[in-house]
Amino acid sequence: MKKDIHPDNYRLVVFKDFSCDEAFLTRSCAQTKDTIVWEDGNEYPLVKLEISSKSHPFYTGKMKFVDTAGRIDKFNKKFSKFGKKKEKKAEEN
């Protein structure tokens, strides 16, 4: 490696995919406040992932149900009051 171009905090880090409870140890300079004890008994910084190659449908070949309808309903409920004001103004004109 070339000198003086890589970060100083390049170290071993555990990445854990919480959707399928899989973890892997690799080198990274990702910032994290959490730590975890790895299989070798040593403590390493922990980076929490929502999705990785172990759980992504492209790599697994399995489709995963995502609650998009629930998120859409939640969004519409949260912002429905803003749309009603415009409707009332249009009715008045």
PDB file of N, CA and C in Angstrom:
ATOM      1  N   MET A   1       0.836  -1.186   0.000  1.00  0.00           N
ATOM      2  CA  MET A   1       0.000   0.000   0.000  1.00  0.00           C
ATOM      3  C   MET A   1       0.878   1.246   0.000  1.00  0.00           C
ATOM      4  N   LYS A   2       0.377   2.278  -0.633  1.00  0.00           N
ATOM      5  CA  LYS A   2       1.097   3.547  -0.646  1.00  0.00           C
ATOM      6  C   LYS A   2       1.010   4.193   0.736  1.00  0.00           C
ATOM      7  N   LYS A   3       2.058   4.865   1.108  1.00  0.00           N
ATOM      8  CA  LYS A   3       2.087   5.525   2.412  1.00  0.00           C
ATOM      9  C   LYS A   3       1.321   6.834   2.355  1.00  0.00           C
ATOM     10  N   ASP A   4       0.734   7.201   3.488  1.00  0.00           N
ATOM     11  CA  ASP A   4       0.075   8.487   3.713  1.00  0.00           C
ATOM     12  C   ASP A   4      -1.172   8.734   2.866  1.00  0.00           C
ATOM     13  N   ILE A   5      -1.801   7.688   2.323  1.00  0.00           N
ATOM     14  CA  ILE A   5      -3.054   7.906   1.602  1.00  0.00           C
ATOM     15  C   ILE A   5      -4.218   7.157   2.246  1.00  0.00           C
ATOM     16  N   HIS A   6      -3.923   6.271   3.201  1.00  0.00           N
ATOM     17  CA  HIS A   6      -4.977   5.494   3.852  1.00  0.00           C
ATOM     18  C   HIS A   6      -5.262   6.047   5.245  1.00  0.00           C
ATOM     19  N   PRO A   7      -6.499   5.912   5.713  1.00  0.00           N
ATOM     20  CA  PRO A   7      -6.842   6.412   7.053  1.00  0.00           C
ATOM     21  C   PRO A   7      -6.049   5.686   8.143  1.00  0.00           C
ATOM     22  N   ASP A   8      -5.849   6.366   9.234  1.00  0.00           N
ATOM     23  CA  ASP A   8      -5.109   5.781  10.357  1.00  0.00           C
ATOM     24  C   ASP A   8      -5.955   4.777  11.141  1.00  0.00           C
ATOM     25  N   ASN A   9      -7.281   4.912  11.072  1.00  0.00           N
ATOM     26  CA  ASN A   9      -8.147   4.051  11.874  1.00  0.00           C
ATOM     27  C   ASN A   9      -8.647   2.820  11.090  1.00  0.00           C
ATOM     28  N   TYR A  10      -7.900   2.356  10.110  1.00  0.00           N
ATOM     29  CA  TYR A  10      -8.235   1.163   9.348  1.00  0.00           C
ATOM     30  C   TYR A  10      -7.976  -0.046  10.230  1.00  0.00           C
ATOM     31  N   ARG A  11      -9.042  -0.760  10.613  1.00  0.00           N
ATOM     32  CA  ARG A  11      -8.928  -1.822  11.601  1.00  0.00           C
ATOM     33  C   ARG A  11      -9.947  -2.913  11.319  1.00  0.00           C
ATOM     34  N   LEU A  12      -9.904  -3.994  12.105  1.00  0.00           N
ATOM     35  CA  LEU A  12     -10.893  -5.060  11.990  1.00  0.00           C
ATOM     36  C   LEU A  12     -12.215  -4.595  12.581  1.00  0.00           C
ATOM     37  N   VAL A  13     -13.312  -4.840  11.854  1.00  0.00           N
ATOM     38  CA  VAL A  13     -14.645  -4.413  12.267  1.00  0.00           C
ATOM     39  C   VAL A  13     -15.627  -5.542  11.969  1.00  0.00           C
ATOM     40  N   VAL A  14     -16.621  -5.727  12.833  1.00  0.00           N
ATOM     41  CA  VAL A  14     -17.678  -6.704  12.601  1.00  0.00           C
ATOM     42  C   VAL A  14     -18.883  -5.983  12.012  1.00  0.00           C
ATOM     43  N   PHE A  15     -19.380  -6.481  10.882  1.00  0.00           N
ATOM     44  CA  PHE A  15     -20.609  -5.998  10.269  1.00  0.00           C
ATOM     45  C   PHE A  15     -21.682  -7.037  10.546  1.00  0.00           C
ATOM     46  N   LYS A  16     -22.799  -6.621  11.146  1.00  0.00           N
ATOM     47  CA  LYS A  16     -23.863  -7.567  11.494  1.00  0.00           C
ATOM     48  C   LYS A  16     -25.161  -7.160  10.816  1.00  0.00           C
ATOM     49  N   ASP A  17     -25.731  -8.097  10.064  1.00  0.00           N
ATOM     50  CA  ASP A  17     -27.011  -7.919   9.388  1.00  0.00           C
ATOM     51  C   ASP A  17     -28.093  -8.404  10.348  1.00  0.00           C
ATOM     52  N   PHE A  18     -28.875  -7.474  10.890  1.00  0.00           N
ATOM     53  CA  PHE A  18     -29.868  -7.831  11.897  1.00  0.00           C
ATOM     54  C   PHE A  18     -31.134  -8.432  11.301  1.00  0.00           C
ATOM     55  N   SER A  19     -31.325  -8.343   9.985  1.00  0.00           N
ATOM     56  CA  SER A  19     -32.520  -8.936   9.385  1.00  0.00           C
ATOM     57  C   SER A  19     -32.408 -10.451   9.310  1.00  0.00           C
ATOM     58  N   CYS A  20     -31.180 -10.992   9.215  1.00  0.00           N
ATOM     59  CA  CYS A  20     -31.009 -12.450   9.158  1.00  0.00           C
ATOM     60  C   CYS A  20     -30.036 -12.946  10.218  1.00  0.00           C
ATOM     61  N   ASP A  21     -29.583 -12.059  11.090  1.00  0.00           N
ATOM     62  CA  ASP A  21     -28.699 -12.396  12.210  1.00  0.00           C
ATOM     63  C   ASP A  21     -27.377 -13.032  11.751  1.00  0.00           C
ATOM     64  N   GLU A  22     -26.813 -12.514  10.670  1.00  0.00           N
ATOM     65  CA  GLU A  22     -25.512 -12.958  10.165  1.00  0.00           C
ATOM     66  C   GLU A  22     -24.491 -11.852  10.412  1.00  0.00           C
ATOM     67  N   ALA A  23     -23.240 -12.249  10.660  1.00  0.00           N
ATOM     68  CA  ALA A  23     -22.181 -11.274  10.899  1.00  0.00           C
ATOM     69  C   ALA A  23     -20.913 -11.718  10.188  1.00  0.00           C
ATOM     70  N   PHE A  24     -20.086 -10.736   9.821  1.00  0.00           N
ATOM     71  CA  PHE A  24     -18.792 -11.054   9.221  1.00  0.00           C
ATOM     72  C   PHE A  24     -17.759 -10.047   9.688  1.00  0.00           C
ATOM     73  N   LEU A  25     -16.525 -10.513   9.772  1.00  0.00           N
ATOM     74  CA  LEU A  25     -15.405  -9.719  10.251  1.00  0.00           C
ATOM     75  C   LEU A  25     -14.552  -9.318   9.059  1.00  0.00           C
ATOM     76  N   THR A  26     -14.278  -8.034   8.923  1.00  0.00           N
ATOM     77  CA  THR A  26     -13.458  -7.533   7.826  1.00  0.00           C
ATOM     78  C   THR A  26     -12.766  -6.253   8.264  1.00  0.00           C
ATOM     79  N   ARG A  27     -11.921  -5.722   7.420  1.00  0.00           N
ATOM     80  CA  ARG A  27     -11.232  -4.466   7.739  1.00  0.00           C
ATOM     81  C   ARG A  27     -12.039  -3.290   7.212  1.00  0.00           C
ATOM     82  N   SER A  28     -12.103  -2.230   8.020  1.00  0.00           N
ATOM     83  CA  SER A  28     -12.856  -1.045   7.639  1.00  0.00           C
ATOM     84  C   SER A  28     -12.408   0.131   8.491  1.00  0.00           C
ATOM     85  N   CYS A  29     -12.770   1.325   8.047  1.00  0.00           N
ATOM     86  CA  CYS A  29     -12.534   2.520   8.863  1.00  0.00           C
ATOM     87  C   CYS A  29     -13.865   3.184   9.202  1.00  0.00           C
ATOM     88  N   ALA A  30     -14.968   2.416   9.109  1.00  0.00           N
ATOM     89  CA  ALA A  30     -16.300   2.922   9.437  1.00  0.00           C
ATOM     90  C   ALA A  30     -16.352   3.301  10.914  1.00  0.00           C
ATOM     91  N   GLN A  31     -16.941   4.462  11.190  1.00  0.00           N
ATOM     92  CA  GLN A  31     -17.063   4.947  12.561  1.00  0.00           C
ATOM     93  C   GLN A  31     -18.225   4.256  13.262  1.00  0.00           C
ATOM     94  N   THR A  32     -18.036   3.852  14.495  1.00  0.00           N
ATOM     95  CA  THR A  32     -19.089   3.201  15.269  1.00  0.00           C
ATOM     96  C   THR A  32     -18.820   3.372  16.764  1.00  0.00           C
ATOM     97  N   LYS A  33     -19.900   3.361  17.527  1.00  0.00           N
ATOM     98  CA  LYS A  33     -19.779   3.460  18.980  1.00  0.00           C
ATOM     99  C   LYS A  33     -20.003   2.109  19.647  1.00  0.00           C
ATOM    100  N   ASP A  34     -20.597   1.158  18.923  1.00  0.00           N
ATOM    101  CA  ASP A  34     -20.923  -0.151  19.478  1.00  0.00           C
ATOM    102  C   ASP A  34     -19.757  -1.122  19.310  1.00  0.00           C
ATOM    103  N   THR A  35     -19.701  -2.101  20.209  1.00  0.00           N
ATOM    104  CA  THR A  35     -18.700  -3.164  20.112  1.00  0.00           C
ATOM    105  C   THR A  35     -19.380  -4.505  20.303  1.00  0.00           C
ATOM    106  N   ILE A  36     -18.700  -5.560  19.880  1.00  0.00           N
ATOM    107  CA  ILE A  36     -19.225  -6.915  20.020  1.00  0.00           C
ATOM    108  C   ILE A  36     -18.048  -7.864  20.235  1.00  0.00           C
ATOM    109  N   VAL A  37     -18.285  -8.942  21.002  1.00  0.00           N
ATOM    110  CA  VAL A  37     -17.267  -9.966  21.194  1.00  0.00           C
ATOM    111  C   VAL A  37     -17.433 -10.974  20.062  1.00  0.00           C
ATOM    112  N   TRP A  38     -16.382 -11.167  19.285  1.00  0.00           N
ATOM    113  CA  TRP A  38     -16.419 -12.046  18.123  1.00  0.00           C
ATOM    114  C   TRP A  38     -16.135 -13.477  18.556  1.00  0.00           C
ATOM    115  N   GLU A  39     -16.221 -14.414  17.614  1.00  0.00           N
ATOM    116  CA  GLU A  39     -16.049 -15.843  17.894  1.00  0.00           C
ATOM    117  C   GLU A  39     -14.678 -16.183  18.472  1.00  0.00           C
ATOM    118  N   ASP A  40     -13.669 -15.367  18.174  1.00  0.00           N
ATOM    119  CA  ASP A  40     -12.322 -15.635  18.680  1.00  0.00           C
ATOM    120  C   ASP A  40     -12.109 -15.101  20.096  1.00  0.00           C
ATOM    121  N   GLY A  41     -13.145 -14.479  20.683  1.00  0.00           N
ATOM    122  CA  GLY A  41     -13.063 -13.969  22.041  1.00  0.00           C
ATOM    123  C   GLY A  41     -12.605 -12.527  22.147  1.00  0.00           C
ATOM    124  N   ASN A  42     -12.201 -11.933  21.042  1.00  0.00           N
ATOM    125  CA  ASN A  42     -11.769 -10.533  21.045  1.00  0.00           C
ATOM    126  C   ASN A  42     -12.960  -9.609  20.813  1.00  0.00           C
ATOM    127  N   GLU A  43     -12.830  -8.385  21.308  1.00  0.00           N
ATOM    128  CA  GLU A  43     -13.887  -7.385  21.148  1.00  0.00           C
ATOM    129  C   GLU A  43     -13.540  -6.475  19.970  1.00  0.00           C
ATOM    130  N   TYR A  44     -14.523  -6.298  19.063  1.00  0.00           N
ATOM    131  CA  TYR A  44     -14.326  -5.492  17.861  1.00  0.00           C
ATOM    132  C   TYR A  44     -15.440  -4.456  17.744  1.00  0.00           C
ATOM    133  N   PRO A  45     -15.187  -3.370  17.022  1.00  0.00           N
ATOM    134  CA  PRO A  45     -16.254  -2.401  16.744  1.00  0.00           C
ATOM    135  C   PRO A  45     -17.357  -3.079  15.916  1.00  0.00           C
ATOM    136  N   LEU A  46     -18.607  -2.654  16.133  1.00  0.00           N
ATOM    137  CA  LEU A  46     -19.757  -3.265  15.461  1.00  0.00           C
ATOM    138  C   LEU A  46     -20.460  -2.230  14.592  1.00  0.00           C
ATOM    139  N   VAL A  47     -20.694  -2.599  13.324  1.00  0.00           N
ATOM    140  CA  VAL A  47     -21.487  -1.791  12.403  1.00  0.00           C
ATOM    141  C   VAL A  47     -22.771  -2.556  12.142  1.00  0.00           C
ATOM    142  N   LYS A  48     -23.917  -1.931  12.438  1.00  0.00           N
ATOM    143  CA  LYS A  48     -25.210  -2.587  12.279  1.00  0.00           C
ATOM    144  C   LYS A  48     -25.746  -2.341  10.874  1.00  0.00           C
ATOM    145  N   LEU A  49     -26.184  -3.425  10.218  1.00  0.00           N
ATOM    146  CA  LEU A  49     -26.722  -3.349   8.862  1.00  0.00           C
ATOM    147  C   LEU A  49     -28.173  -3.788   8.845  1.00  0.00           C
ATOM    148  N   GLU A  50     -28.963  -3.198   7.960  1.00  0.00           N
ATOM    149  CA  GLU A  50     -30.337  -3.643   7.764  1.00  0.00           C
ATOM    150  C   GLU A  50     -30.407  -4.697   6.673  1.00  0.00           C
ATOM    151  N   ILE A  51     -29.481  -4.635   5.725  1.00  0.00           N
ATOM    152  CA  ILE A  51     -29.478  -5.586   4.624  1.00  0.00           C
ATOM    153  C   ILE A  51     -28.043  -5.788   4.149  1.00  0.00           C
ATOM    154  N   SER A  52     -27.718  -7.023   3.787  1.00  0.00           N
ATOM    155  CA  SER A  52     -26.396  -7.357   3.266  1.00  0.00           C
ATOM    156  C   SER A  52     -26.576  -8.428   2.193  1.00  0.00           C
ATOM    157  N   SER A  53     -25.482  -8.968   1.705  1.00  0.00           N
ATOM    158  CA  SER A  53     -25.584 -10.012   0.685  1.00  0.00           C
ATOM    159  C   SER A  53     -26.231 -11.280   1.238  1.00  0.00           C
ATOM    160  N   LYS A  54     -26.236 -11.454   2.547  1.00  0.00           N
ATOM    161  CA  LYS A  54     -26.872 -12.629   3.168  1.00  0.00           C
ATOM    162  C   LYS A  54     -28.394 -12.522   3.192  1.00  0.00           C
ATOM    163  N   SER A  55     -28.937 -11.296   3.068  1.00  0.00           N
ATOM    164  CA  SER A  55     -30.385 -11.137   3.145  1.00  0.00           C
ATOM    165  C   SER A  55     -30.988 -10.444   1.924  1.00  0.00           C
ATOM    166  N   HIS A  56     -30.175  -9.921   1.019  1.00  0.00           N
ATOM    167  CA  HIS A  56     -30.695  -9.210  -0.150  1.00  0.00           C
ATOM    168  C   HIS A  56     -31.292 -10.201  -1.152  1.00  0.00           C
ATOM    169  N   PRO A  57     -32.499  -9.926  -1.662  1.00  0.00           N
ATOM    170  CA  PRO A  57     -33.154 -10.852  -2.591  1.00  0.00           C
ATOM    171  C   PRO A  57     -32.337 -11.156  -3.848  1.00  0.00           C
ATOM    172  N   PHE A  58     -31.535 -10.230  -4.314  1.00  0.00           N
ATOM    173  CA  PHE A  58     -30.726 -10.480  -5.511  1.00  0.00           C
ATOM    174  C   PHE A  58     -29.748 -11.627  -5.280  1.00  0.00           C
ATOM    175  N   TYR A  59     -29.140 -11.691  -4.088  1.00  0.00           N
ATOM    176  CA  TYR A  59     -28.146 -12.711  -3.786  1.00  0.00           C
ATOM    177  C   TYR A  59     -28.767 -14.000  -3.256  1.00  0.00           C
ATOM    178  N   THR A  60     -29.880 -13.895  -2.550  1.00  0.00           N
ATOM    179  CA  THR A  60     -30.493 -15.088  -1.955  1.00  0.00           C
ATOM    180  C   THR A  60     -31.474 -15.770  -2.888  1.00  0.00           C
ATOM    181  N   GLY A  61     -32.038 -15.026  -3.839  1.00  0.00           N
ATOM    182  CA  GLY A  61     -33.040 -15.602  -4.733  1.00  0.00           C
ATOM    183  C   GLY A  61     -34.411 -15.692  -4.100  1.00  0.00           C
ATOM    184  N   LYS A  62     -34.563 -15.184  -2.899  1.00  0.00           N
ATOM    185  CA  LYS A  62     -35.839 -15.232  -2.186  1.00  0.00           C
ATOM    186  C   LYS A  62     -36.370 -13.820  -2.031  1.00  0.00           C
ATOM    187  N   MET A  63     -37.640 -13.632  -2.329  1.00  0.00           N
ATOM    188  CA  MET A  63     -38.248 -12.327  -2.148  1.00  0.00           C
ATOM    189  C   MET A  63     -38.619 -12.162  -0.678  1.00  0.00           C
ATOM    190  N   LYS A  64     -38.429 -10.985  -0.177  1.00  0.00           N
ATOM    191  CA  LYS A  64     -38.731 -10.672   1.214  1.00  0.00           C
ATOM    192  C   LYS A  64     -39.895  -9.694   1.229  1.00  0.00           C
ATOM    193  N   PHE A  65     -40.897  -9.946   2.046  1.00  0.00           N
ATOM    194  CA  PHE A  65     -42.057  -9.074   2.125  1.00  0.00           C
ATOM    195  C   PHE A  65     -41.665  -7.778   2.812  1.00  0.00           C
ATOM    196  N   VAL A  66     -41.927  -6.680   2.138  1.00  0.00           N
ATOM    197  CA  VAL A  66     -41.661  -5.357   2.693  1.00  0.00           C
ATOM    198  C   VAL A  66     -42.998  -4.656   2.855  1.00  0.00           C
ATOM    199  N   ASP A  67     -43.231  -4.082   3.997  1.00  0.00           N
ATOM    200  CA  ASP A  67     -44.508  -3.455   4.310  1.00  0.00           C
ATOM    201  C   ASP A  67     -44.581  -2.061   3.687  1.00  0.00           C
ATOM    202  N   THR A  68     -44.625  -2.001   2.367  1.00  0.00           N
ATOM    203  CA  THR A  68     -44.703  -0.693   1.713  1.00  0.00           C
ATOM    204  C   THR A  68     -46.095  -0.107   1.853  1.00  0.00           C
ATOM    205  N   ALA A  69     -47.111  -0.947   1.842  1.00  0.00           N
ATOM    206  CA  ALA A  69     -48.477  -0.432   1.981  1.00  0.00           C
ATOM    207  C   ALA A  69     -48.658   0.225   3.339  1.00  0.00           C
ATOM    208  N   GLY A  70     -48.109  -0.363   4.367  1.00  0.00           N
ATOM    209  CA  GLY A  70     -48.200   0.223   5.698  1.00  0.00           C
ATOM    210  C   GLY A  70     -47.473   1.549   5.788  1.00  0.00           C
ATOM    211  N   ARG A  71     -46.339   1.645   5.117  1.00  0.00           N
ATOM    212  CA  ARG A  71     -45.588   2.902   5.127  1.00  0.00           C
ATOM    213  C   ARG A  71     -46.330   3.980   4.352  1.00  0.00           C
ATOM    214  N   ILE A  72     -46.970   3.598   3.252  1.00  0.00           N
ATOM    215  CA  ILE A  72     -47.737   4.557   2.452  1.00  0.00           C
ATOM    216  C   ILE A  72     -48.929   5.068   3.245  1.00  0.00           C
ATOM    217  N   ASP A  73     -49.639   4.166   3.911  1.00  0.00           N
ATOM    218  CA  ASP A  73     -50.783   4.572   4.733  1.00  0.00           C
ATOM    219  C   ASP A  73     -50.347   5.499   5.859  1.00  0.00           C
ATOM    220  N   LYS A  74     -49.214   5.195   6.470  1.00  0.00           N
ATOM    221  CA  LYS A  74     -48.693   6.028   7.553  1.00  0.00           C
ATOM    222  C   LYS A  74     -48.353   7.424   7.031  1.00  0.00           C
ATOM    223  N   PHE A  75     -47.736   7.487   5.844  1.00  0.00           N
ATOM    224  CA  PHE A  75     -47.393   8.776   5.239  1.00  0.00           C
ATOM    225  C   PHE A  75     -48.656   9.567   4.930  1.00  0.00           C
ATOM    226  N   ASN A  76     -49.648   8.922   4.305  1.00  0.00           N
ATOM    227  CA  ASN A  76     -50.891   9.611   3.958  1.00  0.00           C
ATOM    228  C   ASN A  76     -51.617  10.119   5.200  1.00  0.00           C
ATOM    229  N   LYS A  77     -51.613   9.326   6.259  1.00  0.00           N
ATOM    230  CA  LYS A  77     -52.268   9.735   7.497  1.00  0.00           C
ATOM    231  C   LYS A  77     -51.551  10.938   8.119  1.00  0.00           C
ATOM    232  N   LYS A  78     -50.222  10.915   8.063  1.00  0.00           N
ATOM    233  CA  LYS A  78     -49.430  11.983   8.673  1.00  0.00           C
ATOM    234  C   LYS A  78     -49.599  13.306   7.929  1.00  0.00           C
ATOM    235  N   PHE A  79     -49.667  13.256   6.608  1.00  0.00           N
ATOM    236  CA  PHE A  79     -49.698  14.474   5.814  1.00  0.00           C
ATOM    237  C   PHE A  79     -51.059  14.769   5.190  1.00  0.00           C
ATOM    238  N   SER A  80     -52.091  14.060   5.584  1.00  0.00           N
ATOM    239  CA  SER A  80     -53.419  14.290   5.010  1.00  0.00           C
ATOM    240  C   SER A  80     -53.970  15.662   5.373  1.00  0.00           C
ATOM    241  N   LYS A  81     -53.610  16.175   6.531  1.00  0.00           N
ATOM    242  CA  LYS A  81     -54.129  17.478   6.957  1.00  0.00           C
ATOM    243  C   LYS A  81     -53.641  18.609   6.051  1.00  0.00           C
ATOM    244  N   PHE A  82     -52.477  18.455   5.434  1.00  0.00           N
ATOM    245  CA  PHE A  82     -51.961  19.495   4.549  1.00  0.00           C
ATOM    246  C   PHE A  82     -52.731  19.534   3.231  1.00  0.00           C
ATOM    247  N   GLY A  83     -53.164  18.387   2.741  1.00  0.00           N
ATOM    248  CA  GLY A  83     -53.931  18.326   1.499  1.00  0.00           C
ATOM    249  C   GLY A  83     -55.336  18.874   1.663  1.00  0.00           C
ATOM    250  N   LYS A  84     -55.920  18.758   2.849  1.00  0.00           N
ATOM    251  CA  LYS A  84     -57.284  19.235   3.100  1.00  0.00           C
ATOM    252  C   LYS A  84     -57.370  20.749   3.020  1.00  0.00           C
ATOM    253  N   LYS A  85     -56.336  21.454   3.421  1.00  0.00           N
ATOM    254  CA  LYS A  85     -56.344  22.915   3.365  1.00  0.00           C
ATOM    255  C   LYS A  85     -56.438  23.393   1.924  1.00  0.00           C
ATOM    256  N   LYS A  86     -55.725  22.748   1.030  1.00  0.00           N
ATOM    257  CA  LYS A  86     -55.751  23.136  -0.372  1.00  0.00           C
ATOM    258  C   LYS A  86     -57.118  22.845  -0.987  1.00  0.00           C
ATOM    259  N   GLU A  87     -57.734  21.723  -0.582  1.00  0.00           N
ATOM    260  CA  GLU A  87     -59.033  21.361  -1.106  1.00  0.00           C
ATOM    261  C   GLU A  87     -60.088  22.387  -0.684  1.00  0.00           C
ATOM    262  N   LYS A  88     -60.024  22.846   0.569  1.00  0.00           N
ATOM    263  CA  LYS A  88     -60.977  23.828   1.070  1.00  0.00           C
ATOM    264  C   LYS A  88     -60.834  25.153   0.341  1.00  0.00           C
ATOM    265  N   LYS A  89     -59.589  25.576   0.085  1.00  0.00           N
ATOM    266  CA  LYS A  89     -59.374  26.820  -0.644  1.00  0.00           C
ATOM    267  C   LYS A  89     -59.893  26.710  -2.069  1.00  0.00           C
ATOM    268  N   ALA A  90     -59.747  25.570  -2.692  1.00  0.00           N
ATOM    269  CA  ALA A  90     -60.228  25.388  -4.064  1.00  0.00           C
ATOM    270  C   ALA A  90     -61.742  25.413  -4.107  1.00  0.00           C
ATOM    271  N   GLU A  91     -62.417  24.860  -3.085  1.00  0.00           N
ATOM    272  CA  GLU A  91     -63.870  24.864  -3.017  1.00  0.00           C
ATOM    273  C   GLU A  91     -64.430  26.275  -2.821  1.00  0.00           C
ATOM    274  N   GLU A  92     -63.709  27.102  -2.035  1.00  0.00           N
ATOM    275  CA  GLU A  92     -64.162  28.463  -1.742  1.00  0.00           C
ATOM    276  C   GLU A  92     -64.101  29.345  -2.980  1.00  0.00           C
ATOM    277  N   ASN A  93     -63.168  29.113  -3.867  1.00  0.00           N
ATOM    278  CA  ASN A  93     -63.005  29.938  -5.069  1.00  0.00           C
ATOM    279  C   ASN A  93     -63.999  29.515  -6.076  1.00  0.00           C
TER     280      ASN A  93
END
